Amino acid sequence: MIIELTPIEAWADFWKWMRQPEQAAEWAGLTRAEKQYLYKAEIHAKAGRLGFERIHALLTKYAPARYEFRTAVILHT
């Protein structure tokens, strides 16, 4: 199934997915610094300061098979 999300919606989905019990092994495999960086990203997301580039980098690094980024230009005439 394909679901289109905004970047911030994708981050919210990633954060929820990553913290599920099924992902416990993957979460445990992260270094302390990586976990802290992800927690900081969540804090920035809640404050409205998590941008596209950072979301793209994080999701591409930690869940490349789960998320695909596409760019679209729409012309309204």
C-alpha atoms as a PDB file:
ATOM      1  CA  MET A   1       0.000   0.000   0.000  1.00  0.00           C
ATOM      2  CA  ILE A   2       1.240   3.494  -0.846  1.00  0.00           C
ATOM      3  CA  ILE A   3       0.295   6.443   1.357  1.00  0.00           C
ATOM      4  CA  GLU A   4       1.313   9.997   0.487  1.00  0.00           C
ATOM      5  CA  LEU A   5       2.541  12.024   3.457  1.00  0.00           C
ATOM      6  CA  THR A   6       3.973  15.443   4.018  1.00  0.00           C
ATOM      7  CA  PRO A   7       7.532  15.386   5.345  1.00  0.00           C
ATOM      8  CA  ILE A   8       6.408  16.181   8.902  1.00  0.00           C
ATOM      9  CA  GLU A   9       3.713  13.489   8.713  1.00  0.00           C
ATOM     10  CA  ALA A  10       6.403  11.048   7.549  1.00  0.00           C
ATOM     11  CA  TRP A  11       8.549  12.022  10.542  1.00  0.00           C
ATOM     12  CA  ALA A  12       5.616  11.472  12.933  1.00  0.00           C
ATOM     13  CA  ASP A  13       4.991   8.057  11.377  1.00  0.00           C
ATOM     14  CA  PHE A  14       8.689   7.171  11.597  1.00  0.00           C
ATOM     15  CA  TRP A  15       8.919   8.212  15.250  1.00  0.00           C
ATOM     16  CA  LYS A  16       5.823   6.179  16.165  1.00  0.00           C
ATOM     17  CA  TRP A  17       7.020   3.190  14.114  1.00  0.00           C
ATOM     18  CA  MET A  18      10.558   3.264  15.506  1.00  0.00           C
ATOM     19  CA  ARG A  19       9.294   3.203  19.113  1.00  0.00           C
ATOM     20  CA  GLN A  20       7.032   0.160  18.603  1.00  0.00           C
ATOM     21  CA  PRO A  21       7.989  -3.089  20.342  1.00  0.00           C
ATOM     22  CA  GLU A  22       8.539  -4.742  16.943  1.00  0.00           C
ATOM     23  CA  GLN A  23      11.405  -2.320  16.326  1.00  0.00           C
ATOM     24  CA  ALA A  24      13.022  -2.866  19.738  1.00  0.00           C
ATOM     25  CA  ALA A  25      16.018  -4.687  18.272  1.00  0.00           C
ATOM     26  CA  GLU A  26      16.668  -1.936  15.756  1.00  0.00           C
ATOM     27  CA  TRP A  27      16.306   0.747  18.440  1.00  0.00           C
ATOM     28  CA  ALA A  28      18.647  -1.177  20.729  1.00  0.00           C
ATOM     29  CA  GLY A  29      21.196  -1.332  17.921  1.00  0.00           C
ATOM     30  CA  LEU A  30      21.492   2.439  17.752  1.00  0.00           C
ATOM     31  CA  THR A  31      24.265   4.201  19.598  1.00  0.00           C
ATOM     32  CA  ARG A  32      23.454   6.534  22.453  1.00  0.00           C
ATOM     33  CA  ALA A  33      24.411   9.495  20.257  1.00  0.00           C
ATOM     34  CA  GLU A  34      22.050   8.332  17.490  1.00  0.00           C
ATOM     35  CA  LYS A  35      19.181   7.952  19.951  1.00  0.00           C
ATOM     36  CA  GLN A  36      19.860  11.410  21.374  1.00  0.00           C
ATOM     37  CA  TYR A  37      19.911  12.872  17.865  1.00  0.00           C
ATOM     38  CA  LEU A  38      16.542  11.278  17.090  1.00  0.00           C
ATOM     39  CA  TYR A  39      15.085  12.560  20.367  1.00  0.00           C
ATOM     40  CA  LYS A  40      16.336  16.067  19.500  1.00  0.00           C
ATOM     41  CA  ALA A  41      14.721  15.762  16.075  1.00  0.00           C
ATOM     42  CA  GLU A  42      11.415  14.897  17.768  1.00  0.00           C
ATOM     43  CA  ILE A  43      11.739  17.934  20.033  1.00  0.00           C
ATOM     44  CA  HIS A  44      12.370  20.098  16.961  1.00  0.00           C
ATOM     45  CA  ALA A  45       9.390  18.524  15.178  1.00  0.00           C
ATOM     46  CA  LYS A  46       7.088  19.384  18.086  1.00  0.00           C
ATOM     47  CA  ALA A  47       8.420  22.955  18.036  1.00  0.00           C
ATOM     48  CA  GLY A  48       7.857  23.253  14.272  1.00  0.00           C
ATOM     49  CA  ARG A  49      11.598  23.467  13.553  1.00  0.00           C
ATOM     50  CA  LEU A  50      12.262  20.141  11.816  1.00  0.00           C
ATOM     51  CA  GLY A  51      12.843  20.867   8.136  1.00  0.00           C
ATOM     52  CA  PHE A  52      12.601  18.837   4.970  1.00  0.00           C
ATOM     53  CA  GLU A  53      16.337  18.269   4.535  1.00  0.00           C
ATOM     54  CA  ARG A  54      16.766  16.865   8.027  1.00  0.00           C
ATOM     55  CA  ILE A  55      13.676  14.666   7.757  1.00  0.00           C
ATOM     56  CA  HIS A  56      14.911  13.378   4.412  1.00  0.00           C
ATOM     57  CA  ALA A  57      18.365  12.596   5.814  1.00  0.00           C
ATOM     58  CA  LEU A  58      17.001  10.830   8.903  1.00  0.00           C
ATOM     59  CA  LEU A  59      14.412   8.699   7.129  1.00  0.00           C
ATOM     60  CA  THR A  60      16.842   7.809   4.349  1.00  0.00           C
ATOM     61  CA  LYS A  61      19.402   6.697   6.923  1.00  0.00           C
ATOM     62  CA  TYR A  62      17.189   4.856   9.410  1.00  0.00           C
ATOM     63  CA  ALA A  63      14.315   3.542   7.260  1.00  0.00           C
ATOM     64  CA  PRO A  64      15.298   3.630   3.575  1.00  0.00           C
ATOM     65  CA  ALA A  65      12.976   0.801   2.555  1.00  0.00           C
ATOM     66  CA  ARG A  66       9.974   2.293   4.367  1.00  0.00           C
ATOM     67  CA  TYR A  67       9.966   5.824   2.900  1.00  0.00           C
ATOM     68  CA  GLU A  68      10.444   7.140  -0.621  1.00  0.00           C
ATOM     69  CA  PHE A  69      10.818  10.830  -1.329  1.00  0.00           C
ATOM     70  CA  ARG A  70       9.496  12.339  -4.554  1.00  0.00           C
ATOM     71  CA  THR A  71       9.363  15.908  -5.753  1.00  0.00           C
ATOM     72  CA  ALA A  72       6.459  17.272  -7.739  1.00  0.00           C
ATOM     73  CA  VAL A  73       5.875  20.553  -9.491  1.00  0.00           C
ATOM     74  CA  ILE A  74       2.255  21.352 -10.222  1.00  0.00           C
ATOM     75  CA  LEU A  75       1.266  24.073 -12.681  1.00  0.00           C
ATOM     76  CA  HIS A  76      -2.117  25.682 -12.195  1.00  0.00           C
ATOM     77  CA  THR A  77      -3.410  27.551 -15.249  1.00  0.00           C
END
